[in-house]
Structures are given as C-alpha cells and as structure tokens.
Amino acid sequence: MSGLAGGVRAMLDGKGLGMTLGIFGIGILGLILTVEWVVTYARER
C-alpha cells in the first residue's frame, strides 16, 4: 500500500508520470488476469 501512496505522491508532484501510469497499468492488468483465472477455475470445478 505504501507503494501506491508513493505513486500518487509522485503523480501529484508531476514527476515520473509515465512510470506511475505504467505501474498502475501493470497492476490493473494483473488484477484482471487474476480475477479471470479465479472465475475460470471456479467454473471448471
């Protein structure tokens, strides 16, 4: 959670915006993939 707060602070400072967006994008993508895997796994059982 501290990483998220640091990312938000960096974004508000206007520094490392691309990196912040990249981290957010990877995090969201990972979350979607995890949810899809769980749904698929639950459906197969």
C-alpha atoms as a PDB file:
ATOM      1  CA  MET A   1       0.000   0.000   0.000  1.00  0.00           C
ATOM      2  CA  SER A   2       2.944   2.335   0.649  1.00  0.00           C
ATOM      3  CA  GLY A   3       3.974   1.880  -2.999  1.00  0.00           C
ATOM      4  CA  LEU A   4       0.539   3.084  -4.099  1.00  0.00           C
ATOM      5  CA  ALA A   5       0.776   6.151  -1.841  1.00  0.00           C
ATOM      6  CA  GLY A   6       4.257   6.897  -3.215  1.00  0.00           C
ATOM      7  CA  GLY A   7       2.932   6.603  -6.764  1.00  0.00           C
ATOM      8  CA  VAL A   8       0.082   9.002  -6.018  1.00  0.00           C
ATOM      9  CA  ARG A   9       2.504  11.469  -4.390  1.00  0.00           C
ATOM     10  CA  ALA A  10       4.861  11.255  -7.388  1.00  0.00           C
ATOM     11  CA  MET A  11       1.911  11.810  -9.729  1.00  0.00           C
ATOM     12  CA  LEU A  12       0.797  14.884  -7.764  1.00  0.00           C
ATOM     13  CA  ASP A  13       4.365  16.225  -7.923  1.00  0.00           C
ATOM     14  CA  GLY A  14       4.260  15.716 -11.687  1.00  0.00           C
ATOM     15  CA  LYS A  15       7.387  13.537 -11.635  1.00  0.00           C
ATOM     16  CA  GLY A  16       7.617  10.081 -13.159  1.00  0.00           C
ATOM     17  CA  LEU A  17       4.104  10.268 -14.583  1.00  0.00           C
ATOM     18  CA  GLY A  18       4.849   7.658 -17.253  1.00  0.00           C
ATOM     19  CA  MET A  19       6.306   5.280 -14.684  1.00  0.00           C
ATOM     20  CA  THR A  20       3.331   5.805 -12.368  1.00  0.00           C
ATOM     21  CA  LEU A  21       0.870   5.086 -15.190  1.00  0.00           C
ATOM     22  CA  GLY A  22       2.919   2.040 -16.180  1.00  0.00           C
ATOM     23  CA  ILE A  23       2.821   0.641 -12.636  1.00  0.00           C
ATOM     24  CA  PHE A  24      -0.923   1.311 -12.424  1.00  0.00           C
ATOM     25  CA  GLY A  25      -1.463  -0.354 -15.824  1.00  0.00           C
ATOM     26  CA  ILE A  26       0.505  -3.452 -14.838  1.00  0.00           C
ATOM     27  CA  GLY A  27      -1.329  -3.636 -11.512  1.00  0.00           C
ATOM     28  CA  ILE A  28      -4.760  -3.353 -13.151  1.00  0.00           C
ATOM     29  CA  LEU A  29      -3.806  -5.897 -15.829  1.00  0.00           C
ATOM     30  CA  GLY A  30      -2.579  -8.321 -13.157  1.00  0.00           C
ATOM     31  CA  LEU A  31      -5.787  -7.846 -11.179  1.00  0.00           C
ATOM     32  CA  ILE A  32      -7.959  -8.555 -14.254  1.00  0.00           C
ATOM     33  CA  LEU A  33      -5.927 -11.662 -15.144  1.00  0.00           C
ATOM     34  CA  THR A  34      -6.170 -12.935 -11.563  1.00  0.00           C
ATOM     35  CA  VAL A  35      -9.955 -12.418 -11.476  1.00  0.00           C
ATOM     36  CA  GLU A  36     -10.380 -14.148 -14.855  1.00  0.00           C
ATOM     37  CA  TRP A  37      -8.220 -17.094 -13.689  1.00  0.00           C
ATOM     38  CA  VAL A  38     -10.272 -17.471 -10.490  1.00  0.00           C
ATOM     39  CA  VAL A  39     -13.565 -17.301 -12.414  1.00  0.00           C
ATOM     40  CA  THR A  40     -12.348 -19.886 -14.943  1.00  0.00           C
ATOM     41  CA  TYR A  41     -11.035 -22.143 -12.169  1.00  0.00           C
ATOM     42  CA  ALA A  42     -14.318 -21.884 -10.233  1.00  0.00           C
ATOM     43  CA  ARG A  43     -16.320 -22.671 -13.386  1.00  0.00           C
ATOM     44  CA  GLU A  44     -14.267 -25.785 -14.181  1.00  0.00           C
ATOM     45  CA  ARG A  45     -14.799 -27.308 -10.734  1.00  0.00           C
END
